[in-house]
Amino acid sequence: MRTLAPAAPLPRSVHAWHGSGAVATGVFTTVPGLLLIYLTDTLAVSPALAGAVILPQ
């Protein structure tokens, strides 16, 4: 069986960009839900209107 040579380690810049992308994805998926809670519970906006505000995203 043939074995592969070990790959060179990735530079820190690749790790940094990957990490920043992971943070951006987390923010992109979390903020709309928190905004819905804020609009409906704090500002007393109707859920249908709050959903219409968030939906275009």
N, C-alpha and C. Protein backbone atom coordinates (compact mmCIF):
# COMPACT_ATOMS: atom_id res chain seq x y z
N MET A 1 0.84 -1.16 0.00
CA MET A 1 0.00 0.00 0.00
C MET A 1 0.90 1.24 0.00
N ARG A 2 0.51 2.22 -0.76
CA ARG A 2 1.30 3.43 -0.89
C ARG A 2 0.87 4.45 0.17
N THR A 3 1.82 5.10 0.80
CA THR A 3 1.50 6.12 1.80
C THR A 3 1.80 7.50 1.22
N LEU A 4 1.05 8.47 1.66
CA LEU A 4 1.24 9.84 1.19
C LEU A 4 2.22 10.57 2.10
N ALA A 5 2.95 11.48 1.50
CA ALA A 5 3.88 12.29 2.29
C ALA A 5 3.07 13.28 3.13
N PRO A 6 3.54 13.60 4.33
CA PRO A 6 2.80 14.55 5.15
C PRO A 6 2.78 15.94 4.49
N ALA A 7 1.64 16.59 4.61
CA ALA A 7 1.48 17.91 4.00
C ALA A 7 2.14 18.97 4.87
N ALA A 8 2.53 20.05 4.25
CA ALA A 8 3.12 21.16 4.98
C ALA A 8 2.03 21.85 5.81
N PRO A 9 2.37 22.34 6.99
CA PRO A 9 1.36 23.02 7.80
C PRO A 9 0.89 24.32 7.12
N LEU A 10 -0.35 24.66 7.37
CA LEU A 10 -0.90 25.88 6.78
C LEU A 10 -0.36 27.11 7.50
N PRO A 11 -0.18 28.21 6.79
CA PRO A 11 0.29 29.43 7.44
C PRO A 11 -0.78 30.04 8.34
N ARG A 12 -0.34 30.89 9.24
CA ARG A 12 -1.28 31.52 10.18
C ARG A 12 -2.34 32.35 9.49
N SER A 13 -2.01 32.94 8.36
CA SER A 13 -2.98 33.77 7.65
C SER A 13 -4.19 32.94 7.20
N VAL A 14 -3.96 31.70 6.80
CA VAL A 14 -5.06 30.83 6.39
C VAL A 14 -5.95 30.52 7.60
N HIS A 15 -5.34 30.26 8.73
CA HIS A 15 -6.11 30.01 9.95
C HIS A 15 -6.91 31.25 10.35
N ALA A 16 -6.30 32.43 10.23
CA ALA A 16 -6.98 33.67 10.60
C ALA A 16 -8.18 33.93 9.68
N TRP A 17 -8.00 33.76 8.39
CA TRP A 17 -9.12 33.99 7.46
C TRP A 17 -10.22 32.97 7.68
N HIS A 18 -9.86 31.74 7.94
CA HIS A 18 -10.87 30.71 8.19
C HIS A 18 -11.64 31.04 9.47
N GLY A 19 -10.94 31.47 10.49
CA GLY A 19 -11.59 31.84 11.75
C GLY A 19 -12.49 33.04 11.61
N SER A 20 -12.06 34.04 10.85
CA SER A 20 -12.91 35.22 10.67
C SER A 20 -14.15 34.87 9.86
N GLY A 21 -14.04 33.96 8.93
CA GLY A 21 -15.21 33.50 8.18
C GLY A 21 -16.18 32.74 9.07
N ALA A 22 -15.65 31.96 10.00
CA ALA A 22 -16.51 31.23 10.92
C ALA A 22 -17.27 32.19 11.85
N VAL A 23 -16.59 33.24 12.30
CA VAL A 23 -17.25 34.24 13.15
C VAL A 23 -18.33 34.97 12.35
N ALA A 24 -18.04 35.34 11.12
CA ALA A 24 -19.02 36.04 10.30
C ALA A 24 -20.25 35.17 10.05
N THR A 25 -20.05 33.88 9.82
CA THR A 25 -21.17 32.97 9.63
C THR A 25 -22.03 32.88 10.89
N GLY A 26 -21.38 32.82 12.04
CA GLY A 26 -22.12 32.77 13.30
C GLY A 26 -22.94 34.03 13.53
N VAL A 27 -22.36 35.18 13.22
CA VAL A 27 -23.09 36.45 13.38
C VAL A 27 -24.25 36.51 12.39
N PHE A 28 -24.02 36.10 11.16
CA PHE A 28 -25.05 36.15 10.13
C PHE A 28 -26.23 35.27 10.48
N THR A 29 -26.02 34.17 11.16
CA THR A 29 -27.12 33.28 11.50
C THR A 29 -27.76 33.62 12.84
N THR A 30 -27.07 34.32 13.73
CA THR A 30 -27.60 34.62 15.06
C THR A 30 -28.35 35.94 15.12
N VAL A 31 -27.84 36.96 14.46
CA VAL A 31 -28.41 38.30 14.58
C VAL A 31 -29.87 38.40 14.14
N PRO A 32 -30.31 37.78 13.06
CA PRO A 32 -31.73 37.91 12.71
C PRO A 32 -32.67 37.38 13.79
N GLY A 33 -32.33 36.30 14.42
CA GLY A 33 -33.17 35.78 15.50
C GLY A 33 -33.22 36.72 16.68
N LEU A 34 -32.08 37.28 17.05
CA LEU A 34 -32.06 38.23 18.15
C LEU A 34 -32.81 39.51 17.80
N LEU A 35 -32.73 39.92 16.55
CA LEU A 35 -33.46 41.10 16.11
C LEU A 35 -34.96 40.86 16.17
N LEU A 36 -35.40 39.67 15.81
CA LEU A 36 -36.83 39.34 15.92
C LEU A 36 -37.30 39.43 17.36
N ILE A 37 -36.53 38.90 18.27
CA ILE A 37 -36.90 38.96 19.69
C ILE A 37 -36.96 40.42 20.15
N TYR A 38 -35.98 41.22 19.75
CA TYR A 38 -35.95 42.63 20.15
C TYR A 38 -37.17 43.37 19.58
N LEU A 39 -37.46 43.15 18.30
CA LEU A 39 -38.58 43.86 17.68
C LEU A 39 -39.91 43.48 18.33
N THR A 40 -40.13 42.20 18.58
CA THR A 40 -41.43 41.77 19.10
C THR A 40 -41.58 42.01 20.60
N ASP A 41 -40.55 41.76 21.38
CA ASP A 41 -40.68 41.87 22.83
C ASP A 41 -40.41 43.28 23.36
N THR A 42 -39.44 43.96 22.82
CA THR A 42 -39.07 45.28 23.34
C THR A 42 -39.85 46.41 22.65
N LEU A 43 -39.93 46.36 21.34
CA LEU A 43 -40.59 47.43 20.61
C LEU A 43 -42.07 47.15 20.33
N ALA A 44 -42.55 45.99 20.70
CA ALA A 44 -43.96 45.59 20.54
C ALA A 44 -44.42 45.67 19.08
N VAL A 45 -43.55 45.28 18.16
CA VAL A 45 -43.91 45.20 16.74
C VAL A 45 -44.63 43.87 16.54
N SER A 46 -45.63 43.85 15.68
CA SER A 46 -46.34 42.60 15.44
C SER A 46 -45.38 41.57 14.82
N PRO A 47 -45.55 40.31 15.16
CA PRO A 47 -44.65 39.28 14.62
C PRO A 47 -44.65 39.22 13.09
N ALA A 48 -45.79 39.46 12.47
CA ALA A 48 -45.85 39.42 11.00
C ALA A 48 -45.00 40.54 10.40
N LEU A 49 -45.10 41.73 10.98
CA LEU A 49 -44.31 42.85 10.47
C LEU A 49 -42.82 42.64 10.74
N ALA A 50 -42.50 42.12 11.92
CA ALA A 50 -41.09 41.85 12.24
C ALA A 50 -40.52 40.81 11.29
N GLY A 51 -41.29 39.79 10.98
CA GLY A 51 -40.84 38.78 10.02
C GLY A 51 -40.65 39.34 8.64
N ALA A 52 -41.53 40.28 8.25
CA ALA A 52 -41.40 40.91 6.94
C ALA A 52 -40.15 41.78 6.87
N VAL A 53 -39.76 42.36 8.01
CA VAL A 53 -38.54 43.17 8.05
C VAL A 53 -37.31 42.27 7.91
N ILE A 54 -37.33 41.11 8.54
CA ILE A 54 -36.18 40.20 8.55
C ILE A 54 -36.13 39.36 7.27
N LEU A 55 -37.25 39.06 6.67
CA LEU A 55 -37.33 38.14 5.54
C LEU A 55 -36.44 38.50 4.37
N PRO A 56 -36.36 39.77 3.94
CA PRO A 56 -35.51 40.06 2.77
C PRO A 56 -34.04 39.70 2.92
N GLN A 57 -33.58 39.54 4.11
CA GLN A 57 -32.17 39.20 4.31
C GLN A 57 -31.94 37.84 3.72
